[in-house]
Amino acid sequence: MIVVNEVAWLPVEQDKGYIFTAVGRTPQVEVFVPDTHSPEVNPLVDLAGPMMANTRVSGPAGAA
């Protein structure tokens, strides 16, 4: 698990990138980042604000 600006994500490596699933937040959000973007976590920085504004903490990892 990685935490970017107070949003926890579970990364799962795929053939051509990563799927990041927000952990401990509702609604559940998944993001696919192709391996053409490096580092793959950079888009998660841009998503942190919208995630904090539009999802709610529903479990312990959501505020990790």
N, C-alpha and C. Protein backbone atom coordinates (compact mmCIF):
# COMPACT_ATOMS: atom_id res chain seq x y z
N MET A 1 0.85 -1.16 0.00
CA MET A 1 0.00 0.00 0.00
C MET A 1 0.91 1.23 0.00
N ILE A 2 0.44 2.26 -0.70
CA ILE A 2 1.14 3.54 -0.69
C ILE A 2 0.14 4.61 -0.29
N VAL A 3 0.62 5.67 0.31
CA VAL A 3 -0.23 6.78 0.70
C VAL A 3 0.28 8.03 0.01
N VAL A 4 -0.62 8.70 -0.69
CA VAL A 4 -0.28 9.93 -1.39
C VAL A 4 -1.24 11.02 -0.89
N ASN A 5 -0.69 11.99 -0.20
CA ASN A 5 -1.48 13.12 0.32
C ASN A 5 -2.73 12.64 1.06
N GLU A 6 -2.52 11.73 2.00
CA GLU A 6 -3.56 11.21 2.89
C GLU A 6 -4.57 10.27 2.23
N VAL A 7 -4.31 9.85 1.01
CA VAL A 7 -5.17 8.87 0.35
C VAL A 7 -4.34 7.60 0.15
N ALA A 8 -4.86 6.48 0.69
CA ALA A 8 -4.15 5.20 0.59
C ALA A 8 -4.57 4.48 -0.69
N TRP A 9 -3.59 3.90 -1.37
CA TRP A 9 -3.83 3.18 -2.63
C TRP A 9 -3.16 1.82 -2.58
N LEU A 10 -3.83 0.83 -3.13
CA LEU A 10 -3.25 -0.51 -3.29
C LEU A 10 -2.83 -0.65 -4.75
N PRO A 11 -1.52 -0.74 -5.03
CA PRO A 11 -1.07 -0.90 -6.41
C PRO A 11 -1.04 -2.38 -6.81
N VAL A 12 -1.52 -2.65 -8.01
CA VAL A 12 -1.45 -4.00 -8.58
C VAL A 12 -0.84 -3.87 -9.96
N GLU A 13 0.32 -4.48 -10.12
CA GLU A 13 1.02 -4.40 -11.41
C GLU A 13 0.28 -5.21 -12.46
N GLN A 14 0.13 -4.63 -13.64
CA GLN A 14 -0.50 -5.27 -14.78
C GLN A 14 0.56 -5.41 -15.89
N ASP A 15 0.19 -6.04 -16.99
CA ASP A 15 1.13 -6.21 -18.10
C ASP A 15 1.66 -4.88 -18.62
N LYS A 16 0.78 -3.88 -18.67
CA LYS A 16 1.18 -2.61 -19.28
C LYS A 16 0.96 -1.42 -18.37
N GLY A 17 1.13 -1.61 -17.07
CA GLY A 17 0.97 -0.51 -16.14
C GLY A 17 0.53 -0.99 -14.77
N TYR A 18 -0.17 -0.11 -14.06
CA TYR A 18 -0.65 -0.42 -12.72
C TYR A 18 -2.11 -0.05 -12.59
N ILE A 19 -2.83 -0.84 -11.78
CA ILE A 19 -4.15 -0.45 -11.32
C ILE A 19 -3.97 -0.06 -9.86
N PHE A 20 -4.40 1.15 -9.52
CA PHE A 20 -4.37 1.63 -8.15
C PHE A 20 -5.80 1.67 -7.64
N THR A 21 -6.06 1.03 -6.51
CA THR A 21 -7.38 1.00 -5.89
C THR A 21 -7.30 1.77 -4.58
N ALA A 22 -8.18 2.76 -4.42
CA ALA A 22 -8.22 3.51 -3.17
C ALA A 22 -8.68 2.57 -2.06
N VAL A 23 -8.01 2.65 -0.92
CA VAL A 23 -8.29 1.76 0.20
C VAL A 23 -8.94 2.56 1.32
N GLY A 24 -10.05 2.01 1.85
CA GLY A 24 -10.71 2.64 2.98
C GLY A 24 -11.52 3.87 2.61
N ARG A 25 -11.97 3.95 1.34
CA ARG A 25 -12.77 5.10 0.90
C ARG A 25 -14.00 4.62 0.17
N THR A 26 -15.07 5.40 0.26
CA THR A 26 -16.32 5.12 -0.44
C THR A 26 -16.70 6.36 -1.21
N PRO A 27 -17.09 6.25 -2.47
CA PRO A 27 -17.15 5.03 -3.26
C PRO A 27 -15.74 4.56 -3.62
N GLN A 28 -15.66 3.29 -3.95
CA GLN A 28 -14.38 2.71 -4.32
C GLN A 28 -13.93 3.28 -5.66
N VAL A 29 -12.67 3.65 -5.74
CA VAL A 29 -12.12 4.23 -6.96
C VAL A 29 -10.92 3.41 -7.39
N GLU A 30 -10.89 3.08 -8.68
CA GLU A 30 -9.73 2.41 -9.28
C GLU A 30 -9.24 3.26 -10.43
N VAL A 31 -7.92 3.30 -10.57
CA VAL A 31 -7.30 4.10 -11.63
C VAL A 31 -6.26 3.23 -12.32
N PHE A 32 -6.32 3.19 -13.65
CA PHE A 32 -5.28 2.49 -14.41
C PHE A 32 -4.30 3.53 -14.92
N VAL A 33 -3.01 3.29 -14.65
CA VAL A 33 -1.95 4.17 -15.15
C VAL A 33 -1.04 3.32 -16.02
N PRO A 34 -0.98 3.62 -17.32
CA PRO A 34 -0.13 2.83 -18.21
C PRO A 34 1.34 3.04 -17.90
N ASP A 35 2.15 2.04 -18.25
CA ASP A 35 3.57 2.12 -17.96
C ASP A 35 4.30 3.16 -18.80
N THR A 36 3.59 3.82 -19.71
CA THR A 36 4.20 4.92 -20.47
C THR A 36 4.35 6.16 -19.59
N HIS A 37 3.68 6.18 -18.43
CA HIS A 37 3.82 7.27 -17.47
C HIS A 37 4.78 6.83 -16.37
N SER A 38 5.79 7.63 -16.14
CA SER A 38 6.77 7.25 -15.13
C SER A 38 7.16 8.48 -14.32
N PRO A 39 7.17 8.40 -13.02
CA PRO A 39 6.70 7.27 -12.21
C PRO A 39 5.19 7.17 -12.23
N GLU A 40 4.72 5.97 -12.09
CA GLU A 40 3.29 5.67 -12.22
C GLU A 40 2.44 6.33 -11.14
N VAL A 41 3.03 6.67 -10.00
CA VAL A 41 2.26 7.27 -8.91
C VAL A 41 1.98 8.75 -9.12
N ASN A 42 2.62 9.40 -10.06
CA ASN A 42 2.41 10.84 -10.26
C ASN A 42 0.95 11.24 -10.44
N PRO A 43 0.13 10.52 -11.23
CA PRO A 43 -1.27 10.92 -11.34
C PRO A 43 -2.03 10.89 -10.01
N LEU A 44 -1.57 10.08 -9.07
CA LEU A 44 -2.24 9.99 -7.77
C LEU A 44 -2.11 11.30 -7.00
N VAL A 45 -1.04 12.04 -7.23
CA VAL A 45 -0.88 13.34 -6.60
C VAL A 45 -1.99 14.28 -7.08
N ASP A 46 -2.25 14.27 -8.39
CA ASP A 46 -3.31 15.11 -8.95
C ASP A 46 -4.70 14.68 -8.50
N LEU A 47 -4.87 13.41 -8.20
CA LEU A 47 -6.18 12.89 -7.78
C LEU A 47 -6.44 13.07 -6.29
N ALA A 48 -5.44 13.40 -5.50
CA ALA A 48 -5.61 13.48 -4.05
C ALA A 48 -6.68 14.49 -3.66
N GLY A 49 -6.65 15.68 -4.23
CA GLY A 49 -7.65 16.70 -3.89
C GLY A 49 -9.06 16.27 -4.22
N PRO A 50 -9.32 15.83 -5.47
CA PRO A 50 -10.66 15.35 -5.80
C PRO A 50 -11.10 14.15 -4.96
N MET A 51 -10.16 13.27 -4.61
CA MET A 51 -10.51 12.13 -3.76
C MET A 51 -10.93 12.60 -2.38
N MET A 52 -10.22 13.56 -1.81
CA MET A 52 -10.56 14.06 -0.48
C MET A 52 -11.91 14.78 -0.51
N ALA A 53 -12.21 15.46 -1.62
CA ALA A 53 -13.45 16.23 -1.71
C ALA A 53 -14.67 15.38 -2.05
N ASN A 54 -14.47 14.26 -2.75
CA ASN A 54 -15.62 13.52 -3.30
C ASN A 54 -15.78 12.10 -2.80
N THR A 55 -14.91 11.66 -1.90
CA THR A 55 -15.08 10.35 -1.29
C THR A 55 -15.04 10.54 0.22
N ARG A 56 -15.51 9.53 0.93
CA ARG A 56 -15.46 9.62 2.39
C ARG A 56 -14.66 8.45 2.92
N VAL A 57 -14.06 8.67 4.06
CA VAL A 57 -13.30 7.60 4.71
C VAL A 57 -14.30 6.58 5.23
N SER A 58 -14.08 5.32 4.85
CA SER A 58 -14.98 4.25 5.26
C SER A 58 -14.22 3.11 5.94
N GLY A 59 -12.94 3.29 6.12
CA GLY A 59 -12.14 2.27 6.76
C GLY A 59 -10.83 2.86 7.26
N PRO A 60 -10.07 2.11 8.02
CA PRO A 60 -8.88 2.66 8.66
C PRO A 60 -7.80 3.14 7.70
N ALA A 61 -7.68 2.55 6.51
CA ALA A 61 -6.61 2.95 5.60
C ALA A 61 -6.92 4.26 4.88
N GLY A 62 -8.16 4.69 4.90
CA GLY A 62 -8.54 5.90 4.18
C GLY A 62 -7.88 7.15 4.70
N ALA A 63 -7.45 7.16 5.92
CA ALA A 63 -6.81 8.35 6.48
C ALA A 63 -5.36 8.07 6.85
N ALA A 64 -4.83 6.97 6.33
CA ALA A 64 -3.45 6.58 6.68
C ALA A 64 -2.44 7.59 6.21
